[in-house]
Amino acid sequence: MITFVETKNIIIQILQLTEPNEKFLEESELMGAIAEFDSMAVVSILTAIEEQYDIEIDDDEITGEIFETFGTLHQFLVDKMT
């Protein structure tokens, strides 16, 4: 199971946020709200999660809604790992 902090740390690492002023609350917006959070970031984040947690995320599971907020992304990952 992935924790809230682990999800946050993966995003910070992939986006290379040296000054993560984003608190990553559940309602914190991702796609469109963080300049570094683009389609390449989505691929990089998913790849990192797959490798680190030894899971497979199919392309047909990915929707824009998953990346609307930090909470929706984290919940997707929690659901995927249970």
PDB file of N, CA and C in Angstrom:
ATOM      1  N   MET A   1       0.850  -1.178   0.000  1.00  0.00           N
ATOM      2  CA  MET A   1       0.000   0.000   0.000  1.00  0.00           C
ATOM      3  C   MET A   1       0.893   1.237   0.000  1.00  0.00           C
ATOM      4  N   ILE A   2       0.495   2.205  -0.741  1.00  0.00           N
ATOM      5  CA  ILE A   2       1.237   3.456  -0.853  1.00  0.00           C
ATOM      6  C   ILE A   2       0.634   4.487   0.098  1.00  0.00           C
ATOM      7  N   THR A   3       1.499   5.192   0.785  1.00  0.00           N
ATOM      8  CA  THR A   3       1.020   6.205   1.721  1.00  0.00           C
ATOM      9  C   THR A   3       0.915   7.553   1.026  1.00  0.00           C
ATOM     10  N   PHE A   4       0.210   8.463   1.684  1.00  0.00           N
ATOM     11  CA  PHE A   4       0.055   9.829   1.199  1.00  0.00           C
ATOM     12  C   PHE A   4       1.432  10.469   1.009  1.00  0.00           C
ATOM     13  N   VAL A   5       2.312  10.280   1.965  1.00  0.00           N
ATOM     14  CA  VAL A   5       3.659  10.865   1.911  1.00  0.00           C
ATOM     15  C   VAL A   5       4.467  10.265   0.771  1.00  0.00           C
ATOM     16  N   GLU A   6       4.348   8.971   0.549  1.00  0.00           N
ATOM     17  CA  GLU A   6       5.076   8.332  -0.545  1.00  0.00           C
ATOM     18  C   GLU A   6       4.613   8.867  -1.898  1.00  0.00           C
ATOM     19  N   THR A   7       3.313   9.038  -2.053  1.00  0.00           N
ATOM     20  CA  THR A   7       2.780   9.601  -3.291  1.00  0.00           C
ATOM     21  C   THR A   7       3.321  11.006  -3.490  1.00  0.00           C
ATOM     22  N   LYS A   8       3.297  11.813  -2.442  1.00  0.00           N
ATOM     23  CA  LYS A   8       3.804  13.181  -2.511  1.00  0.00           C
ATOM     24  C   LYS A   8       5.280  13.187  -2.895  1.00  0.00           C
ATOM     25  N   ASN A   9       6.068  12.327  -2.282  1.00  0.00           N
ATOM     26  CA  ASN A   9       7.499  12.298  -2.557  1.00  0.00           C
ATOM     27  C   ASN A   9       7.809  11.889  -3.991  1.00  0.00           C
ATOM     28  N   ILE A  10       7.039  10.984  -4.539  1.00  0.00           N
ATOM     29  CA  ILE A  10       7.236  10.589  -5.936  1.00  0.00           C
ATOM     30  C   ILE A  10       6.968  11.776  -6.853  1.00  0.00           C
ATOM     31  N   ILE A  11       5.893  12.500  -6.599  1.00  0.00           N
ATOM     32  CA  ILE A  11       5.572  13.665  -7.430  1.00  0.00           C
ATOM     33  C   ILE A  11       6.668  14.720  -7.320  1.00  0.00           C
ATOM     34  N   ILE A  12       7.104  15.010  -6.114  1.00  0.00           N
ATOM     35  CA  ILE A  12       8.162  16.009  -5.909  1.00  0.00           C
ATOM     36  C   ILE A  12       9.439  15.595  -6.632  1.00  0.00           C
ATOM     37  N   GLN A  13       9.789  14.319  -6.534  1.00  0.00           N
ATOM     38  CA  GLN A  13      11.007  13.825  -7.177  1.00  0.00           C
ATOM     39  C   GLN A  13      10.897  13.893  -8.691  1.00  0.00           C
ATOM     40  N   ILE A  14       9.807  13.402  -9.257  1.00  0.00           N
ATOM     41  CA  ILE A  14       9.648  13.366 -10.709  1.00  0.00           C
ATOM     42  C   ILE A  14       9.583  14.777 -11.285  1.00  0.00           C
ATOM     43  N   LEU A  15       8.855  15.668 -10.619  1.00  0.00           N
ATOM     44  CA  LEU A  15       8.728  17.038 -11.117  1.00  0.00           C
ATOM     45  C   LEU A  15       9.934  17.897 -10.764  1.00  0.00           C
ATOM     46  N   GLN A  16      10.838  17.338  -9.973  1.00  0.00           N
ATOM     47  CA  GLN A  16      12.040  18.038  -9.538  1.00  0.00           C
ATOM     48  C   GLN A  16      11.693  19.374  -8.890  1.00  0.00           C
ATOM     49  N   LEU A  17      10.765  19.322  -7.972  1.00  0.00           N
ATOM     50  CA  LEU A  17      10.350  20.518  -7.246  1.00  0.00           C
ATOM     51  C   LEU A  17      11.350  20.763  -6.125  1.00  0.00           C
ATOM     52  N   THR A  18      12.241  21.706  -6.343  1.00  0.00           N
ATOM     53  CA  THR A  18      13.264  21.997  -5.336  1.00  0.00           C
ATOM     54  C   THR A  18      12.692  22.796  -4.178  1.00  0.00           C
ATOM     55  N   GLU A  19      11.660  23.554  -4.445  1.00  0.00           N
ATOM     56  CA  GLU A  19      10.981  24.303  -3.399  1.00  0.00           C
ATOM     57  C   GLU A  19       9.507  23.912  -3.429  1.00  0.00           C
ATOM     58  N   PRO A  20       9.198  22.741  -2.911  1.00  0.00           N
ATOM     59  CA  PRO A  20       7.809  22.258  -2.997  1.00  0.00           C
ATOM     60  C   PRO A  20       6.873  23.065  -2.094  1.00  0.00           C
ATOM     61  N   ASN A  21       6.518  24.269  -2.562  1.00  0.00           N
ATOM     62  CA  ASN A  21       5.609  25.089  -1.774  1.00  0.00           C
ATOM     63  C   ASN A  21       4.181  24.551  -1.818  1.00  0.00           C
ATOM     64  N   GLU A  22       3.953  23.612  -2.713  1.00  0.00           N
ATOM     65  CA  GLU A  22       2.655  22.954  -2.780  1.00  0.00           C
ATOM     66  C   GLU A  22       2.543  21.986  -1.613  1.00  0.00           C
ATOM     67  N   LYS A  23       1.530  22.140  -0.815  1.00  0.00           N
ATOM     68  CA  LYS A  23       1.380  21.301   0.368  1.00  0.00           C
ATOM     69  C   LYS A  23       0.797  19.925   0.041  1.00  0.00           C
ATOM     70  N   PHE A  24       0.308  19.762  -1.154  1.00  0.00           N
ATOM     71  CA  PHE A  24      -0.286  18.500  -1.576  1.00  0.00           C
ATOM     72  C   PHE A  24      -1.352  18.019  -0.598  1.00  0.00           C
ATOM     73  N   LEU A  25      -2.336  18.853  -0.436  1.00  0.00           N
ATOM     74  CA  LEU A  25      -3.518  18.449   0.302  1.00  0.00           C
ATOM     75  C   LEU A  25      -4.356  17.601  -0.639  1.00  0.00           C
ATOM     76  N   GLU A  26      -5.321  16.930  -0.085  1.00  0.00           N
ATOM     77  CA  GLU A  26      -6.163  16.065  -0.912  1.00  0.00           C
ATOM     78  C   GLU A  26      -6.792  16.833  -2.074  1.00  0.00           C
ATOM     79  N   GLU A  27      -7.169  18.075  -1.840  1.00  0.00           N
ATOM     80  CA  GLU A  27      -7.841  18.875  -2.867  1.00  0.00           C
ATOM     81  C   GLU A  27      -6.884  19.672  -3.748  1.00  0.00           C
ATOM     82  N   SER A  28      -5.580  19.535  -3.535  1.00  0.00           N
ATOM     83  CA  SER A  28      -4.596  20.255  -4.348  1.00  0.00           C
ATOM     84  C   SER A  28      -4.692  19.819  -5.804  1.00  0.00           C
ATOM     85  N   GLU A  29      -4.845  20.785  -6.691  1.00  0.00           N
ATOM     86  CA  GLU A  29      -4.959  20.486  -8.112  1.00  0.00           C
ATOM     87  C   GLU A  29      -3.593  20.126  -8.685  1.00  0.00           C
ATOM     88  N   LEU A  30      -3.588  19.224  -9.642  1.00  0.00           N
ATOM     89  CA  LEU A  30      -2.348  18.798 -10.280  1.00  0.00           C
ATOM     90  C   LEU A  30      -2.296  19.265 -11.726  1.00  0.00           C
ATOM     91  N   MET A  31      -2.961  18.545 -12.604  1.00  0.00           N
ATOM     92  CA  MET A  31      -2.908  18.849 -14.033  1.00  0.00           C
ATOM     93  C   MET A  31      -3.464  20.245 -14.292  1.00  0.00           C
ATOM     94  N   GLY A  32      -2.638  21.083 -14.879  1.00  0.00           N
ATOM     95  CA  GLY A  32      -3.052  22.448 -15.176  1.00  0.00           C
ATOM     96  C   GLY A  32      -2.732  23.443 -14.081  1.00  0.00           C
ATOM     97  N   ALA A  33      -2.479  22.966 -12.879  1.00  0.00           N
ATOM     98  CA  ALA A  33      -2.194  23.866 -11.766  1.00  0.00           C
ATOM     99  C   ALA A  33      -0.703  23.954 -11.466  1.00  0.00           C
ATOM    100  N   ILE A  34       0.033  22.911 -11.785  1.00  0.00           N
ATOM    101  CA  ILE A  34       1.476  22.885 -11.582  1.00  0.00           C
ATOM    102  C   ILE A  34       2.109  22.848 -12.966  1.00  0.00           C
ATOM    103  N   ALA A  35       2.917  23.865 -13.261  1.00  0.00           N
ATOM    104  CA  ALA A  35       3.485  23.990 -14.611  1.00  0.00           C
ATOM    105  C   ALA A  35       4.237  22.743 -15.052  1.00  0.00           C
ATOM    106  N   GLU A  36       4.948  22.120 -14.137  1.00  0.00           N
ATOM    107  CA  GLU A  36       5.742  20.943 -14.476  1.00  0.00           C
ATOM    108  C   GLU A  36       4.894  19.691 -14.689  1.00  0.00           C
ATOM    109  N   PHE A  37       3.641  19.729 -14.296  1.00  0.00           N
ATOM    110  CA  PHE A  37       2.781  18.546 -14.373  1.00  0.00           C
ATOM    111  C   PHE A  37       2.122  18.487 -15.751  1.00  0.00           C
ATOM    112  N   ASP A  38       2.842  17.878 -16.694  1.00  0.00           N
ATOM    113  CA  ASP A  38       2.343  17.745 -18.049  1.00  0.00           C
ATOM    114  C   ASP A  38       2.222  16.261 -18.404  1.00  0.00           C
ATOM    115  N   SER A  39       1.969  15.968 -19.666  1.00  0.00           N
ATOM    116  CA  SER A  39       1.765  14.575 -20.071  1.00  0.00           C
ATOM    117  C   SER A  39       3.018  13.726 -19.849  1.00  0.00           C
ATOM    118  N   MET A  40       4.182  14.314 -20.023  1.00  0.00           N
ATOM    119  CA  MET A  40       5.416  13.564 -19.775  1.00  0.00           C
ATOM    120  C   MET A  40       5.574  13.268 -18.287  1.00  0.00           C
ATOM    121  N   ALA A  41       5.147  14.184 -17.451  1.00  0.00           N
ATOM    122  CA  ALA A  41       5.200  13.955 -16.004  1.00  0.00           C
ATOM    123  C   ALA A  41       4.273  12.806 -15.624  1.00  0.00           C
ATOM    124  N   VAL A  42       3.111  12.750 -16.247  1.00  0.00           N
ATOM    125  CA  VAL A  42       2.163  11.662 -15.971  1.00  0.00           C
ATOM    126  C   VAL A  42       2.816  10.321 -16.278  1.00  0.00           C
ATOM    127  N   VAL A  43       3.438  10.211 -17.439  1.00  0.00           N
ATOM    128  CA  VAL A  43       4.098   8.965 -17.828  1.00  0.00           C
ATOM    129  C   VAL A  43       5.226   8.641 -16.847  1.00  0.00           C
ATOM    130  N   SER A  44       6.016   9.630 -16.493  1.00  0.00           N
ATOM    131  CA  SER A  44       7.139   9.411 -15.574  1.00  0.00           C
ATOM    132  C   SER A  44       6.677   8.986 -14.190  1.00  0.00           C
ATOM    133  N   ILE A  45       5.618   9.607 -13.700  1.00  0.00           N
ATOM    134  CA  ILE A  45       5.077   9.260 -12.384  1.00  0.00           C
ATOM    135  C   ILE A  45       4.547   7.833 -12.386  1.00  0.00           C
ATOM    136  N   LEU A  46       3.782   7.490 -13.417  1.00  0.00           N
ATOM    137  CA  LEU A  46       3.230   6.140 -13.486  1.00  0.00           C
ATOM    138  C   LEU A  46       4.330   5.095 -13.621  1.00  0.00           C
ATOM    139  N   THR A  47       5.340   5.382 -14.409  1.00  0.00           N
ATOM    140  CA  THR A  47       6.460   4.454 -14.579  1.00  0.00           C
ATOM    141  C   THR A  47       7.201   4.255 -13.261  1.00  0.00           C
ATOM    142  N   ALA A  48       7.450   5.344 -12.558  1.00  0.00           N
ATOM    143  CA  ALA A  48       8.142   5.254 -11.265  1.00  0.00           C
ATOM    144  C   ALA A  48       7.342   4.424 -10.269  1.00  0.00           C
ATOM    145  N   ILE A  49       6.042   4.616 -10.248  1.00  0.00           N
ATOM    146  CA  ILE A  49       5.181   3.870  -9.324  1.00  0.00           C
ATOM    147  C   ILE A  49       5.164   2.391  -9.697  1.00  0.00           C
ATOM    148  N   GLU A  50       5.049   2.095 -10.988  1.00  0.00           N
ATOM    149  CA  GLU A  50       5.057   0.703 -11.430  1.00  0.00           C
ATOM    150  C   GLU A  50       6.350   0.004 -11.021  1.00  0.00           C
ATOM    151  N   GLU A  51       7.465   0.686 -11.218  1.00  0.00           N
ATOM    152  CA  GLU A  51       8.755   0.089 -10.890  1.00  0.00           C
ATOM    153  C   GLU A  51       8.962  -0.047  -9.385  1.00  0.00           C
ATOM    154  N   GLN A  52       8.618   0.991  -8.642  1.00  0.00           N
ATOM    155  CA  GLN A  52       8.862   0.982  -7.200  1.00  0.00           C
ATOM    156  C   GLN A  52       7.961   0.004  -6.463  1.00  0.00           C
ATOM    157  N   TYR A  53       6.714  -0.144  -6.923  1.00  0.00           N
ATOM    158  CA  TYR A  53       5.752  -0.982  -6.205  1.00  0.00           C
ATOM    159  C   TYR A  53       5.421  -2.276  -6.935  1.00  0.00           C
ATOM    160  N   ASP A  54       6.127  -2.542  -8.034  1.00  0.00           N
ATOM    161  CA  ASP A  54       5.958  -3.772  -8.791  1.00  0.00           C
ATOM    162  C   ASP A  54       4.493  -4.041  -9.141  1.00  0.00           C
ATOM    163  N   ILE A  55       3.873  -3.022  -9.723  1.00  0.00           N
ATOM    164  CA  ILE A  55       2.497  -3.163 -10.204  1.00  0.00           C
ATOM    165  C   ILE A  55       2.466  -2.787 -11.678  1.00  0.00           C
ATOM    166  N   GLU A  56       1.357  -3.112 -12.329  1.00  0.00           N
ATOM    167  CA  GLU A  56       1.168  -2.732 -13.724  1.00  0.00           C
ATOM    168  C   GLU A  56      -0.099  -1.899 -13.834  1.00  0.00           C
ATOM    169  N   ILE A  57       0.040  -0.746 -14.451  1.00  0.00           N
ATOM    170  CA  ILE A  57      -1.102   0.133 -14.680  1.00  0.00           C
ATOM    171  C   ILE A  57      -1.364   0.132 -16.177  1.00  0.00           C
ATOM    172  N   ASP A  58      -2.517  -0.392 -16.574  1.00  0.00           N
ATOM    173  CA  ASP A  58      -2.864  -0.478 -17.982  1.00  0.00           C
ATOM    174  C   ASP A  58      -3.275   0.889 -18.519  1.00  0.00           C
ATOM    175  N   ASP A  59      -2.997   1.102 -19.794  1.00  0.00           N
ATOM    176  CA  ASP A  59      -3.339   2.371 -20.440  1.00  0.00           C
ATOM    177  C   ASP A  59      -4.826   2.695 -20.327  1.00  0.00           C
ATOM    178  N   ASP A  60      -5.664   1.664 -20.403  1.00  0.00           N
ATOM    179  CA  ASP A  60      -7.112   1.920 -20.361  1.00  0.00           C
ATOM    180  C   ASP A  60      -7.609   2.282 -18.962  1.00  0.00           C
ATOM    181  N   GLU A  61      -6.752   2.182 -17.961  1.00  0.00           N
ATOM    182  CA  GLU A  61      -7.116   2.598 -16.605  1.00  0.00           C
ATOM    183  C   GLU A  61      -6.889   4.095 -16.379  1.00  0.00           C
ATOM    184  N   ILE A  62      -6.117   4.709 -17.249  1.00  0.00           N
ATOM    185  CA  ILE A  62      -5.711   6.097 -17.063  1.00  0.00           C
ATOM    186  C   ILE A  62      -6.750   7.035 -17.656  1.00  0.00           C
ATOM    187  N   THR A  63      -7.225   7.941 -16.817  1.00  0.00           N
ATOM    188  CA  THR A  63      -8.159   8.977 -17.261  1.00  0.00           C
ATOM    189  C   THR A  63      -7.688  10.325 -16.723  1.00  0.00           C
ATOM    190  N   GLY A  64      -8.187  11.373 -17.304  1.00  0.00           N
ATOM    191  CA  GLY A  64      -7.854  12.714 -16.841  1.00  0.00           C
ATOM    192  C   GLY A  64      -8.305  12.968 -15.421  1.00  0.00           C
ATOM    193  N   GLU A  65      -9.392  12.331 -15.022  1.00  0.00           N
ATOM    194  CA  GLU A  65      -9.923  12.529 -13.677  1.00  0.00           C
ATOM    195  C   GLU A  65      -8.941  12.089 -12.599  1.00  0.00           C
ATOM    196  N   ILE A  66      -8.134  11.083 -12.889  1.00  0.00           N
ATOM    197  CA  ILE A  66      -7.166  10.585 -11.912  1.00  0.00           C
ATOM    198  C   ILE A  66      -6.181  11.682 -11.528  1.00  0.00           C
ATOM    199  N   PHE A  67      -5.853  12.550 -12.476  1.00  0.00           N
ATOM    200  CA  PHE A  67      -4.835  13.563 -12.253  1.00  0.00           C
ATOM    201  C   PHE A  67      -5.410  14.954 -11.985  1.00  0.00           C
ATOM    202  N   GLU A  68      -6.688  15.018 -11.641  1.00  0.00           N
ATOM    203  CA  GLU A  68      -7.295  16.308 -11.319  1.00  0.00           C
ATOM    204  C   GLU A  68      -6.738  16.872 -10.020  1.00  0.00           C
ATOM    205  N   THR A  69      -6.685  16.043  -8.991  1.00  0.00           N
ATOM    206  CA  THR A  69      -6.194  16.503  -7.689  1.00  0.00           C
ATOM    207  C   THR A  69      -5.226  15.475  -7.118  1.00  0.00           C
ATOM    208  N   PHE A  70      -4.500  15.906  -6.121  1.00  0.00           N
ATOM    209  CA  PHE A  70      -3.599  14.986  -5.443  1.00  0.00           C
ATOM    210  C   PHE A  70      -4.396  13.835  -4.831  1.00  0.00           C
ATOM    211  N   GLY A  71      -5.554  14.137  -4.274  1.00  0.00           N
ATOM    212  CA  GLY A  71      -6.391  13.115  -3.648  1.00  0.00           C
ATOM    213  C   GLY A  71      -6.883  12.070  -4.633  1.00  0.00           C
ATOM    214  N   THR A  72      -7.270  12.497  -5.842  1.00  0.00           N
ATOM    215  CA  THR A  72      -7.755  11.523  -6.822  1.00  0.00           C
ATOM    216  C   THR A  72      -6.622  10.621  -7.304  1.00  0.00           C
ATOM    217  N   LEU A  73      -5.432  11.177  -7.457  1.00  0.00           N
ATOM    218  CA  LEU A  73      -4.286  10.353  -7.843  1.00  0.00           C
ATOM    219  C   LEU A  73      -3.933   9.375  -6.731  1.00  0.00           C
ATOM    220  N   HIS A  74      -3.849   9.876  -5.520  1.00  0.00           N
ATOM    221  CA  HIS A  74      -3.496   8.997  -4.408  1.00  0.00           C
ATOM    222  C   HIS A  74      -4.540   7.886  -4.226  1.00  0.00           C
ATOM    223  N   GLN A  75      -5.810   8.220  -4.320  1.00  0.00           N
ATOM    224  CA  GLN A  75      -6.864   7.211  -4.152  1.00  0.00           C
ATOM    225  C   GLN A  75      -6.800   6.158  -5.254  1.00  0.00           C
ATOM    226  N   PHE A  76      -6.509   6.582  -6.483  1.00  0.00           N
ATOM    227  CA  PHE A  76      -6.340   5.628  -7.578  1.00  0.00           C
ATOM    228  C   PHE A  76      -5.234   4.629  -7.244  1.00  0.00           C
ATOM    229  N   LEU A  77      -4.115   5.146  -6.731  1.00  0.00           N
ATOM    230  CA  LEU A  77      -2.987   4.278  -6.400  1.00  0.00           C
ATOM    231  C   LEU A  77      -3.306   3.345  -5.248  1.00  0.00           C
ATOM    232  N   VAL A  78      -3.991   3.857  -4.242  1.00  0.00           N
ATOM    233  CA  VAL A  78      -4.402   3.004  -3.104  1.00  0.00           C
ATOM    234  C   VAL A  78      -5.317   1.895  -3.599  1.00  0.00           C
ATOM    235  N   ASP A  79      -6.304   2.245  -4.417  1.00  0.00           N
ATOM    236  CA  ASP A  79      -7.237   1.250  -4.957  1.00  0.00           C
ATOM    237  C   ASP A  79      -6.494   0.221  -5.818  1.00  0.00           C
ATOM    238  N   LYS A  80      -5.538   0.688  -6.583  1.00  0.00           N
ATOM    239  CA  LYS A  80      -4.794  -0.190  -7.479  1.00  0.00           C
ATOM    240  C   LYS A  80      -3.956  -1.210  -6.701  1.00  0.00           C
ATOM    241  N   MET A  81      -3.472  -0.809  -5.536  1.00  0.00           N
ATOM    242  CA  MET A  81      -2.580  -1.668  -4.771  1.00  0.00           C
ATOM    243  C   MET A  81      -3.299  -2.553  -3.755  1.00  0.00           C
ATOM    244  N   THR A  82      -4.622  -2.420  -3.668  1.00  0.00           N
ATOM    245  CA  THR A  82      -5.355  -3.273  -2.721  1.00  0.00           C
ATOM    246  C   THR A  82      -6.126  -4.345  -3.450  1.00  0.00           C
TER     247      THR A  82
END
